[in-house]
Amino acid sequence: MKKIILLSLLVVPAILVASGHIESETSRYFIQTGRESDFWPRVINFTIFAALLYYLVANPIKEFFKQRSESIASQLNEIEEKLQAAKNEKKEAQARLAASEKKAEEILLDAKAEAVILAETIAIANENELSVLEKQLEEKMTFEERKSAREVVDEVLSENITTDDITLDETKVVDIISKKVA
């Protein structure tokens, strides 16, 4: 019902304003109203139209702009929150990077210390093994010297002593051995 009244208030002034400006009609307007110009009625009609338009459209337009500003504000808040979250993540990543670099330095220092200890351990083990090998070599050399001396003595005795020489005295044995050794 309210819309019908508002519509009729908009249509009636439009019909009144639609009157023409022909000479005969102007005189008719003058005869009916007693005025030559319709400026003031048009001003009143426009004012009524503007008031009705404001009455019908103002609240929806206000609501539209209010909702628009609220949505922009919420988007801005979301962007600020995302920016803050990104800054926090960046700080956390930098802290993790610094911690990782520190840990890497510690690992390198530990590895260097471990390498030094390992090298010392290997050097000590090599020295011990070398001394053991030297002792074994000395023992083997003495064994080989004894063995070769026995072989020479056996060879000399087996070549030079025959069944005929069983009656040998000591001087002859010493002479035979000294000949063979020399």
N, C-alpha and C. Protein backbone atom coordinates (compact mmCIF):
# COMPACT_ATOMS: atom_id res chain seq x y z
N MET A 1 0.83 -1.19 0.00
CA MET A 1 0.00 0.00 0.00
C MET A 1 0.88 1.26 0.00
N LYS A 2 1.94 1.16 0.79
CA LYS A 2 2.84 2.30 0.89
C LYS A 2 3.51 2.57 -0.45
N LYS A 3 3.84 1.51 -1.16
CA LYS A 3 4.49 1.65 -2.46
C LYS A 3 3.55 2.28 -3.49
N ILE A 4 2.29 1.92 -3.41
CA ILE A 4 1.30 2.48 -4.35
C ILE A 4 1.17 3.98 -4.12
N ILE A 5 1.15 4.41 -2.88
CA ILE A 5 1.04 5.84 -2.58
C ILE A 5 2.29 6.56 -3.08
N LEU A 6 3.43 5.98 -2.83
CA LEU A 6 4.67 6.61 -3.27
C LEU A 6 4.73 6.67 -4.80
N LEU A 7 4.28 5.63 -5.45
CA LEU A 7 4.27 5.61 -6.91
C LEU A 7 3.33 6.67 -7.46
N SER A 8 2.18 6.82 -6.84
CA SER A 8 1.22 7.84 -7.33
C SER A 8 1.77 9.24 -7.08
N LEU A 9 2.52 9.41 -5.99
CA LEU A 9 3.12 10.72 -5.74
C LEU A 9 4.20 11.04 -6.77
N LEU A 10 4.83 10.03 -7.30
CA LEU A 10 5.84 10.26 -8.33
C LEU A 10 5.19 10.46 -9.71
N VAL A 11 4.11 9.78 -9.97
CA VAL A 11 3.48 9.82 -11.30
C VAL A 11 2.68 11.11 -11.48
N VAL A 12 1.97 11.55 -10.47
CA VAL A 12 1.11 12.74 -10.61
C VAL A 12 1.95 13.97 -10.94
N PRO A 13 3.03 14.26 -10.26
CA PRO A 13 3.81 15.43 -10.66
C PRO A 13 4.38 15.27 -12.06
N ALA A 14 4.72 14.05 -12.47
CA ALA A 14 5.25 13.86 -13.81
C ALA A 14 4.19 14.18 -14.85
N ILE A 15 2.94 13.86 -14.57
CA ILE A 15 1.85 14.17 -15.51
C ILE A 15 1.65 15.68 -15.57
N LEU A 16 1.72 16.34 -14.42
CA LEU A 16 1.55 17.79 -14.40
C LEU A 16 2.69 18.50 -15.12
N VAL A 17 3.88 17.98 -14.99
CA VAL A 17 5.03 18.61 -15.62
C VAL A 17 5.01 18.35 -17.12
N ALA A 18 4.33 17.33 -17.57
CA ALA A 18 4.33 16.96 -18.98
C ALA A 18 3.50 17.89 -19.83
N SER A 19 2.94 18.93 -19.27
CA SER A 19 2.16 19.84 -20.09
C SER A 19 3.08 20.61 -21.02
N GLY A 20 2.62 20.91 -22.23
CA GLY A 20 3.44 21.51 -23.28
C GLY A 20 3.60 23.01 -23.12
N HIS A 21 4.42 23.62 -23.99
CA HIS A 21 4.70 25.05 -23.95
C HIS A 21 4.25 25.73 -25.24
N ILE A 22 3.22 25.29 -25.79
CA ILE A 22 2.70 25.90 -27.00
C ILE A 22 1.94 27.16 -26.58
N GLU A 23 1.86 28.18 -27.46
CA GLU A 23 1.25 29.47 -27.15
C GLU A 23 -0.17 29.34 -26.62
N SER A 24 -0.90 28.50 -27.22
CA SER A 24 -2.28 28.36 -26.78
C SER A 24 -2.34 27.74 -25.40
N GLU A 25 -1.44 26.81 -25.13
CA GLU A 25 -1.44 26.16 -23.82
C GLU A 25 -0.88 27.10 -22.77
N THR A 26 0.06 27.94 -23.14
CA THR A 26 0.61 28.89 -22.18
C THR A 26 -0.49 29.86 -21.74
N SER A 27 -1.25 30.28 -22.61
CA SER A 27 -2.34 31.18 -22.24
C SER A 27 -3.38 30.44 -21.43
N ARG A 28 -3.60 29.18 -21.75
CA ARG A 28 -4.52 28.37 -20.96
C ARG A 28 -3.99 28.20 -19.54
N TYR A 29 -2.65 27.98 -19.42
CA TYR A 29 -2.04 27.86 -18.10
C TYR A 29 -2.21 29.18 -17.35
N PHE A 30 -2.04 30.32 -18.08
CA PHE A 30 -2.21 31.61 -17.44
C PHE A 30 -3.64 31.82 -16.98
N ILE A 31 -4.59 31.34 -17.79
CA ILE A 31 -6.00 31.47 -17.45
C ILE A 31 -6.32 30.62 -16.22
N GLN A 32 -5.76 29.39 -16.17
CA GLN A 32 -6.08 28.48 -15.05
C GLN A 32 -5.39 28.90 -13.76
N THR A 33 -4.14 29.33 -13.85
CA THR A 33 -3.38 29.58 -12.63
C THR A 33 -3.21 31.05 -12.32
N GLY A 34 -3.24 31.86 -13.30
CA GLY A 34 -3.05 33.28 -13.10
C GLY A 34 -1.57 33.66 -13.12
N ARG A 35 -0.75 32.72 -13.51
CA ARG A 35 0.70 32.98 -13.60
C ARG A 35 1.17 32.69 -15.01
N GLU A 36 2.22 33.35 -15.41
CA GLU A 36 2.75 33.11 -16.74
C GLU A 36 3.80 32.01 -16.74
N SER A 37 4.47 31.76 -15.64
CA SER A 37 5.55 30.77 -15.58
C SER A 37 5.20 29.70 -14.55
N ASP A 38 5.69 28.49 -14.80
CA ASP A 38 5.46 27.39 -13.86
C ASP A 38 6.78 26.99 -13.15
N PHE A 39 7.65 27.95 -12.94
CA PHE A 39 8.94 27.68 -12.31
C PHE A 39 8.78 27.17 -10.89
N TRP A 40 8.02 27.82 -10.09
CA TRP A 40 7.89 27.42 -8.68
C TRP A 40 7.18 26.08 -8.51
N PRO A 41 6.16 25.78 -9.28
CA PRO A 41 5.59 24.44 -9.16
C PRO A 41 6.59 23.35 -9.55
N ARG A 42 7.39 23.65 -10.54
CA ARG A 42 8.41 22.67 -10.92
C ARG A 42 9.45 22.49 -9.81
N VAL A 43 9.82 23.56 -9.17
CA VAL A 43 10.76 23.48 -8.04
C VAL A 43 10.16 22.63 -6.93
N ILE A 44 8.89 22.86 -6.66
CA ILE A 44 8.22 22.08 -5.61
C ILE A 44 8.15 20.60 -6.02
N ASN A 45 7.79 20.35 -7.26
CA ASN A 45 7.73 18.96 -7.73
C ASN A 45 9.11 18.28 -7.65
N PHE A 46 10.13 19.01 -8.04
CA PHE A 46 11.47 18.44 -7.96
C PHE A 46 11.86 18.17 -6.51
N THR A 47 11.49 19.05 -5.63
CA THR A 47 11.80 18.85 -4.21
C THR A 47 11.08 17.63 -3.67
N ILE A 48 9.82 17.47 -4.07
CA ILE A 48 9.06 16.28 -3.65
C ILE A 48 9.71 15.02 -4.22
N PHE A 49 10.10 15.10 -5.51
CA PHE A 49 10.76 13.95 -6.13
C PHE A 49 12.07 13.60 -5.42
N ALA A 50 12.86 14.61 -5.15
CA ALA A 50 14.14 14.38 -4.48
C ALA A 50 13.91 13.81 -3.08
N ALA A 51 12.90 14.31 -2.36
CA ALA A 51 12.61 13.81 -1.01
C ALA A 51 12.16 12.35 -1.07
N LEU A 52 11.29 12.02 -2.03
CA LEU A 52 10.84 10.64 -2.17
C LEU A 52 12.02 9.72 -2.55
N LEU A 53 12.82 10.21 -3.46
CA LEU A 53 13.99 9.43 -3.87
C LEU A 53 14.91 9.20 -2.67
N TYR A 54 15.14 10.23 -1.89
CA TYR A 54 15.97 10.09 -0.70
C TYR A 54 15.33 9.12 0.29
N TYR A 55 14.02 9.23 0.45
CA TYR A 55 13.31 8.37 1.39
C TYR A 55 13.41 6.90 0.98
N LEU A 56 13.31 6.63 -0.33
CA LEU A 56 13.32 5.26 -0.80
C LEU A 56 14.73 4.69 -0.99
N VAL A 57 15.68 5.52 -1.37
CA VAL A 57 16.98 5.01 -1.78
C VAL A 57 18.08 5.26 -0.75
N ALA A 58 17.88 6.19 0.14
CA ALA A 58 18.96 6.59 1.06
C ALA A 58 19.42 5.43 1.95
N ASN A 59 18.46 4.76 2.59
CA ASN A 59 18.85 3.65 3.49
C ASN A 59 19.54 2.51 2.76
N PRO A 60 19.03 2.04 1.62
CA PRO A 60 19.77 0.98 0.92
C PRO A 60 21.17 1.43 0.48
N ILE A 61 21.29 2.68 0.05
CA ILE A 61 22.61 3.17 -0.35
C ILE A 61 23.54 3.24 0.86
N LYS A 62 23.01 3.74 1.98
CA LYS A 62 23.81 3.80 3.21
C LYS A 62 24.25 2.41 3.64
N GLU A 63 23.31 1.47 3.59
CA GLU A 63 23.63 0.09 3.97
C GLU A 63 24.69 -0.50 3.03
N PHE A 64 24.51 -0.23 1.72
CA PHE A 64 25.48 -0.74 0.75
C PHE A 64 26.88 -0.22 1.07
N PHE A 65 27.00 1.09 1.27
CA PHE A 65 28.32 1.66 1.54
C PHE A 65 28.86 1.23 2.91
N LYS A 66 27.96 1.05 3.87
CA LYS A 66 28.39 0.57 5.19
C LYS A 66 28.94 -0.85 5.08
N GLN A 67 28.20 -1.72 4.38
CA GLN A 67 28.67 -3.09 4.19
C GLN A 67 29.97 -3.12 3.39
N ARG A 68 30.05 -2.25 2.39
CA ARG A 68 31.26 -2.18 1.57
C ARG A 68 32.46 -1.77 2.41
N SER A 69 32.27 -0.75 3.25
CA SER A 69 33.38 -0.30 4.10
C SER A 69 33.75 -1.38 5.12
N GLU A 70 32.73 -2.09 5.64
CA GLU A 70 33.02 -3.18 6.58
C GLU A 70 33.77 -4.32 5.88
N SER A 71 33.38 -4.64 4.66
CA SER A 71 34.07 -5.72 3.94
C SER A 71 35.51 -5.31 3.61
N ILE A 72 35.69 -4.04 3.24
CA ILE A 72 37.05 -3.55 2.98
C ILE A 72 37.88 -3.60 4.25
N ALA A 73 37.25 -3.19 5.37
CA ALA A 73 37.96 -3.22 6.65
C ALA A 73 38.32 -4.66 7.04
N SER A 74 37.39 -5.58 6.82
CA SER A 74 37.68 -6.99 7.16
C SER A 74 38.77 -7.55 6.25
N GLN A 75 38.74 -7.21 4.96
CA GLN A 75 39.80 -7.64 4.05
C GLN A 75 41.15 -7.06 4.47
N LEU A 76 41.12 -5.79 4.86
CA LEU A 76 42.35 -5.15 5.32
C LEU A 76 42.88 -5.83 6.58
N ASN A 77 41.96 -6.18 7.50
CA ASN A 77 42.38 -6.90 8.71
C ASN A 77 42.96 -8.27 8.37
N GLU A 78 42.33 -8.97 7.43
CA GLU A 78 42.85 -10.27 7.00
C GLU A 78 44.25 -10.13 6.41
N ILE A 79 44.42 -9.11 5.58
CA ILE A 79 45.72 -8.88 4.95
C ILE A 79 46.76 -8.55 6.01
N GLU A 80 46.38 -7.72 6.99
CA GLU A 80 47.31 -7.38 8.06
C GLU A 80 47.66 -8.61 8.89
N GLU A 81 46.68 -9.47 9.16
CA GLU A 81 46.94 -10.70 9.91
C GLU A 81 47.87 -11.62 9.12
N LYS A 82 47.62 -11.74 7.81
CA LYS A 82 48.49 -12.57 6.97
C LYS A 82 49.90 -11.99 6.93
N LEU A 83 50.00 -10.67 6.85
CA LEU A 83 51.30 -10.02 6.84
C LEU A 83 52.03 -10.26 8.15
N GLN A 84 51.30 -10.14 9.25
CA GLN A 84 51.90 -10.39 10.56
C GLN A 84 52.33 -11.85 10.69
N ALA A 85 51.48 -12.76 10.20
CA ALA A 85 51.83 -14.19 10.24
C ALA A 85 53.07 -14.45 9.39
N ALA A 86 53.14 -13.81 8.23
CA ALA A 86 54.32 -13.97 7.37
C ALA A 86 55.57 -13.43 8.06
N LYS A 87 55.43 -12.29 8.73
CA LYS A 87 56.58 -11.73 9.46
C LYS A 87 57.00 -12.67 10.58
N ASN A 88 56.02 -13.24 11.29
CA ASN A 88 56.34 -14.19 12.37
C ASN A 88 57.03 -15.43 11.81
N GLU A 89 56.52 -15.94 10.70
CA GLU A 89 57.13 -17.11 10.07
C GLU A 89 58.56 -16.80 9.61
N LYS A 90 58.75 -15.57 9.11
CA LYS A 90 60.08 -15.17 8.67
C LYS A 90 61.03 -15.13 9.87
N LYS A 91 60.57 -14.56 10.99
CA LYS A 91 61.41 -14.51 12.19
C LYS A 91 61.72 -15.92 12.68
N GLU A 92 60.73 -16.80 12.68
CA GLU A 92 60.95 -18.18 13.09
C GLU A 92 61.94 -18.88 12.16
N ALA A 93 61.79 -18.64 10.86
CA ALA A 93 62.70 -19.26 9.89
C ALA A 93 64.12 -18.74 10.09
N GLN A 94 64.25 -17.43 10.35
CA GLN A 94 65.58 -16.88 10.60
C GLN A 94 66.17 -17.45 11.88
N ALA A 95 65.34 -17.62 12.91
CA ALA A 95 65.82 -18.20 14.16
C ALA A 95 66.26 -19.65 13.93
N ARG A 96 65.45 -20.41 13.16
CA ARG A 96 65.83 -21.79 12.86
C ARG A 96 67.11 -21.83 12.03
N LEU A 97 67.25 -20.88 11.09
CA LEU A 97 68.46 -20.82 10.27
C LEU A 97 69.68 -20.53 11.14
N ALA A 98 69.54 -19.58 12.06
CA ALA A 98 70.67 -19.27 12.96
C ALA A 98 71.01 -20.48 13.83
N ALA A 99 69.98 -21.14 14.33
CA ALA A 99 70.23 -22.33 15.16
C ALA A 99 70.89 -23.43 14.32
N SER A 100 70.45 -23.59 13.08
CA SER A 100 71.04 -24.61 12.20
C SER A 100 72.50 -24.27 11.90
N GLU A 101 72.78 -22.99 11.65
CA GLU A 101 74.16 -22.59 11.39
C GLU A 101 75.03 -22.85 12.61
N LYS A 102 74.50 -22.53 13.79
CA LYS A 102 75.25 -22.76 15.03
C LYS A 102 75.50 -24.25 15.22
N LYS A 103 74.47 -25.05 14.98
CA LYS A 103 74.61 -26.50 15.12
C LYS A 103 75.62 -27.04 14.11
N ALA A 104 75.59 -26.50 12.89
CA ALA A 104 76.54 -26.93 11.85
C ALA A 104 77.97 -26.60 12.29
N GLU A 105 78.18 -25.42 12.88
CA GLU A 105 79.51 -25.07 13.37
C GLU A 105 79.94 -26.02 14.48
N GLU A 106 79.01 -26.34 15.38
CA GLU A 106 79.32 -27.28 16.45
C GLU A 106 79.67 -28.65 15.89
N ILE A 107 78.93 -29.09 14.89
CA ILE A 107 79.19 -30.39 14.28
C ILE A 107 80.57 -30.39 13.62
N LEU A 108 80.90 -29.28 12.93
CA LEU A 108 82.22 -29.19 12.31
C LEU A 108 83.33 -29.22 13.35
N LEU A 109 83.15 -28.48 14.44
CA LEU A 109 84.16 -28.49 15.50
C LEU A 109 84.30 -29.89 16.10
N ASP A 110 83.17 -30.53 16.35
CA ASP A 110 83.19 -31.90 16.89
C ASP A 110 83.87 -32.85 15.91
N ALA A 111 83.57 -32.70 14.63
CA ALA A 111 84.17 -33.58 13.61
C ALA A 111 85.68 -33.36 13.55
N LYS A 112 86.11 -32.09 13.63
CA LYS A 112 87.55 -31.82 13.60
C LYS A 112 88.23 -32.42 14.83
N ALA A 113 87.62 -32.23 16.00
CA ALA A 113 88.19 -32.80 17.23
C ALA A 113 88.22 -34.32 17.14
N GLU A 114 87.16 -34.89 16.63
CA GLU A 114 87.09 -36.35 16.49
C GLU A 114 88.13 -36.84 15.49
N ALA A 115 88.34 -36.07 14.42
CA ALA A 115 89.35 -36.45 13.43
C ALA A 115 90.75 -36.42 14.04
N VAL A 116 91.01 -35.39 14.88
CA VAL A 116 92.32 -35.30 15.54
C VAL A 116 92.51 -36.49 16.47
N ILE A 117 91.49 -36.79 17.26
CA ILE A 117 91.57 -37.92 18.19
C ILE A 117 91.75 -39.23 17.42
N LEU A 118 91.00 -39.39 16.35
CA LEU A 118 91.11 -40.60 15.53
C LEU A 118 92.50 -40.71 14.91
N ALA A 119 93.05 -39.58 14.43
CA ALA A 119 94.38 -39.61 13.84
C ALA A 119 95.42 -39.98 14.89
N GLU A 120 95.27 -39.43 16.08
CA GLU A 120 96.21 -39.78 17.16
C GLU A 120 96.09 -41.26 17.51
N THR A 121 94.86 -41.74 17.58
CA THR A 121 94.65 -43.16 17.89
C THR A 121 95.28 -44.04 16.82
N ILE A 122 95.08 -43.68 15.57
CA ILE A 122 95.64 -44.46 14.47
C ILE A 122 97.17 -44.39 14.51
N ALA A 123 97.73 -43.19 14.80
CA ALA A 123 99.19 -43.06 14.87
C ALA A 123 99.75 -43.94 15.98
N ILE A 124 99.11 -43.94 17.14
CA ILE A 124 99.56 -44.77 18.26
C ILE A 124 99.45 -46.25 17.89
N ALA A 125 98.35 -46.63 17.26
CA ALA A 125 98.17 -48.02 16.85
C ALA A 125 99.23 -48.41 15.83
N ASN A 126 99.52 -47.50 14.91
CA ASN A 126 100.56 -47.79 13.90
C ASN A 126 101.93 -47.93 14.55
N GLU A 127 102.24 -47.06 15.50
CA GLU A 127 103.52 -47.16 16.20
C GLU A 127 103.63 -48.49 16.95
N ASN A 128 102.55 -48.85 17.63
CA ASN A 128 102.55 -50.14 18.35
C ASN A 128 102.73 -51.30 17.38
N GLU A 129 102.01 -51.25 16.28
CA GLU A 129 102.12 -52.33 15.29
C GLU A 129 103.51 -52.36 14.67
N LEU A 130 104.07 -51.16 14.43
CA LEU A 130 105.41 -51.08 13.88
C LEU A 130 106.44 -51.67 14.84
N SER A 131 106.29 -51.35 16.13
CA SER A 131 107.23 -51.91 17.12
C SER A 131 107.08 -53.42 17.20
N VAL A 132 105.83 -53.91 17.13
CA VAL A 132 105.60 -55.36 17.14
C VAL A 132 106.24 -55.99 15.90
N LEU A 133 106.06 -55.35 14.74
CA LEU A 133 106.65 -55.88 13.51
C LEU A 133 108.17 -55.86 13.58
N GLU A 134 108.75 -54.80 14.16
CA GLU A 134 110.20 -54.74 14.31
C GLU A 134 110.70 -55.86 15.22
N LYS A 135 110.00 -56.11 16.32
CA LYS A 135 110.38 -57.21 17.23
C LYS A 135 110.30 -58.55 16.50
N GLN A 136 109.20 -58.71 15.73
CA GLN A 136 109.05 -59.96 14.99
C GLN A 136 110.17 -60.11 13.97
N LEU A 137 110.53 -58.99 13.32
CA LEU A 137 111.61 -59.03 12.34
C LEU A 137 112.93 -59.41 13.01
N GLU A 138 113.19 -58.77 14.16
CA GLU A 138 114.43 -59.11 14.88
C GLU A 138 114.45 -60.58 15.28
N GLU A 139 113.30 -61.04 15.80
CA GLU A 139 113.23 -62.46 16.21
C GLU A 139 113.43 -63.38 15.01
N LYS A 140 112.80 -62.99 13.89
CA LYS A 140 112.92 -63.82 12.69
C LYS A 140 114.36 -63.80 12.18
N MET A 141 114.98 -62.61 12.23
CA MET A 141 116.37 -62.51 11.77
C MET A 141 117.29 -63.36 12.65
N THR A 142 117.07 -63.28 13.96
CA THR A 142 117.90 -64.11 14.85
C THR A 142 117.64 -65.58 14.59
N PHE A 143 116.37 -65.90 14.38
CA PHE A 143 116.03 -67.30 14.09
C PHE A 143 116.69 -67.74 12.80
N GLU A 144 116.62 -66.90 11.76
CA GLU A 144 117.22 -67.24 10.47
C GLU A 144 118.74 -67.33 10.59
N GLU A 145 119.33 -66.45 11.40
CA GLU A 145 120.79 -66.52 11.60
C GLU A 145 121.16 -67.83 12.25
N ARG A 146 120.41 -68.19 13.26
CA ARG A 146 120.68 -69.47 13.94
C ARG A 146 120.47 -70.63 12.97
N LYS A 147 119.38 -70.54 12.20
CA LYS A 147 119.08 -71.61 11.26
C LYS A 147 120.18 -71.74 10.22
N SER A 148 120.60 -70.58 9.67
CA SER A 148 121.65 -70.64 8.65
C SER A 148 122.96 -71.12 9.27
N ALA A 149 123.22 -70.70 10.51
CA ALA A 149 124.45 -71.18 11.18
C ALA A 149 124.37 -72.68 11.37
N ARG A 150 123.23 -73.20 11.76
CA ARG A 150 123.07 -74.64 11.93
C ARG A 150 123.24 -75.37 10.61
N GLU A 151 122.61 -74.76 9.55
CA GLU A 151 122.72 -75.41 8.24
C GLU A 151 124.18 -75.44 7.78
N VAL A 152 124.87 -74.33 8.01
CA VAL A 152 126.28 -74.28 7.59
C VAL A 152 127.09 -75.29 8.39
N VAL A 153 126.81 -75.30 9.70
CA VAL A 153 127.55 -76.26 10.53
C VAL A 153 127.22 -77.68 10.09
N ASP A 154 125.94 -77.94 9.83
CA ASP A 154 125.55 -79.28 9.39
C ASP A 154 126.20 -79.61 8.05
N GLU A 155 126.19 -78.64 7.14
CA GLU A 155 126.77 -78.88 5.82
C GLU A 155 128.27 -79.14 5.93
N VAL A 156 128.91 -78.29 6.73
CA VAL A 156 130.36 -78.44 6.89
C VAL A 156 130.66 -79.77 7.53
N LEU A 157 129.90 -80.07 8.52
CA LEU A 157 130.17 -81.33 9.21
C LEU A 157 129.85 -82.52 8.31
N SER A 158 128.76 -82.41 7.56
CA SER A 158 128.40 -83.54 6.73
C SER A 158 129.36 -83.69 5.55
N GLU A 159 129.92 -82.61 5.02
CA GLU A 159 130.84 -82.70 3.90
C GLU A 159 132.25 -83.10 4.35
N ASN A 160 132.66 -82.53 5.43
CA ASN A 160 134.06 -82.70 5.82
C ASN A 160 134.28 -83.88 6.76
N ILE A 161 133.27 -84.25 7.40
CA ILE A 161 133.49 -85.36 8.33
C ILE A 161 132.99 -86.63 7.66
N THR A 162 133.80 -87.50 7.55
CA THR A 162 133.47 -88.80 7.00
C THR A 162 133.72 -89.84 8.07
N THR A 163 133.46 -91.04 7.73
CA THR A 163 133.67 -92.11 8.70
C THR A 163 135.14 -92.30 9.01
N ASP A 164 135.95 -91.82 8.11
CA ASP A 164 137.39 -91.93 8.35
C ASP A 164 137.85 -90.89 9.36
N ASP A 165 137.14 -89.83 9.43
CA ASP A 165 137.56 -88.71 10.28
C ASP A 165 136.95 -88.79 11.66
N ILE A 166 136.54 -89.86 12.05
CA ILE A 166 135.89 -89.96 13.33
C ILE A 166 136.90 -89.68 14.44
N THR A 167 138.04 -89.94 14.20
CA THR A 167 139.06 -89.68 15.21
C THR A 167 139.66 -88.29 14.98
N LEU A 168 138.99 -87.38 15.07
CA LEU A 168 139.47 -86.01 14.88
C LEU A 168 139.73 -85.38 16.23
N ASP A 169 140.64 -84.57 16.23
CA ASP A 169 140.85 -83.82 17.46
C ASP A 169 140.23 -82.44 17.32
N GLU A 170 140.34 -81.73 18.35
CA GLU A 170 139.66 -80.45 18.38
C GLU A 170 140.28 -79.44 17.45
N THR A 171 141.50 -79.44 17.29
CA THR A 171 142.17 -78.48 16.43
C THR A 171 141.78 -78.67 14.99
N LYS A 172 141.61 -79.91 14.60
CA LYS A 172 141.21 -80.16 13.24
C LYS A 172 139.78 -79.69 13.01
N VAL A 173 138.88 -79.91 13.95
CA VAL A 173 137.50 -79.47 13.81
C VAL A 173 137.44 -77.94 13.73
N VAL A 174 138.23 -77.28 14.53
CA VAL A 174 138.25 -75.82 14.53
C VAL A 174 138.78 -75.33 13.19
N ASP A 175 139.79 -75.99 12.64
CA ASP A 175 140.34 -75.59 11.36
C ASP A 175 139.31 -75.77 10.25
N ILE A 176 138.60 -76.85 10.29
CA ILE A 176 137.58 -77.11 9.25
C ILE A 176 136.46 -76.06 9.31
N ILE A 177 136.04 -75.78 10.51
CA ILE A 177 134.94 -74.80 10.65
C ILE A 177 135.44 -73.42 10.24
N SER A 178 136.61 -73.06 10.62
CA SER A 178 137.11 -71.73 10.27
C SER A 178 137.30 -71.62 8.77
N LYS A 179 137.65 -72.70 8.08
CA LYS A 179 137.77 -72.65 6.64
C LYS A 179 136.39 -72.42 6.00
N LYS A 180 135.43 -73.11 6.51
CA LYS A 180 134.11 -73.02 5.93
C LYS A 180 133.46 -71.64 6.19
N VAL A 181 133.70 -71.09 7.34
CA VAL A 181 133.12 -69.81 7.70
C VAL A 181 133.83 -68.70 6.95
N ALA A 182 135.09 -68.81 6.78
CA ALA A 182 135.85 -67.75 6.13
C ALA A 182 135.60 -67.80 4.68
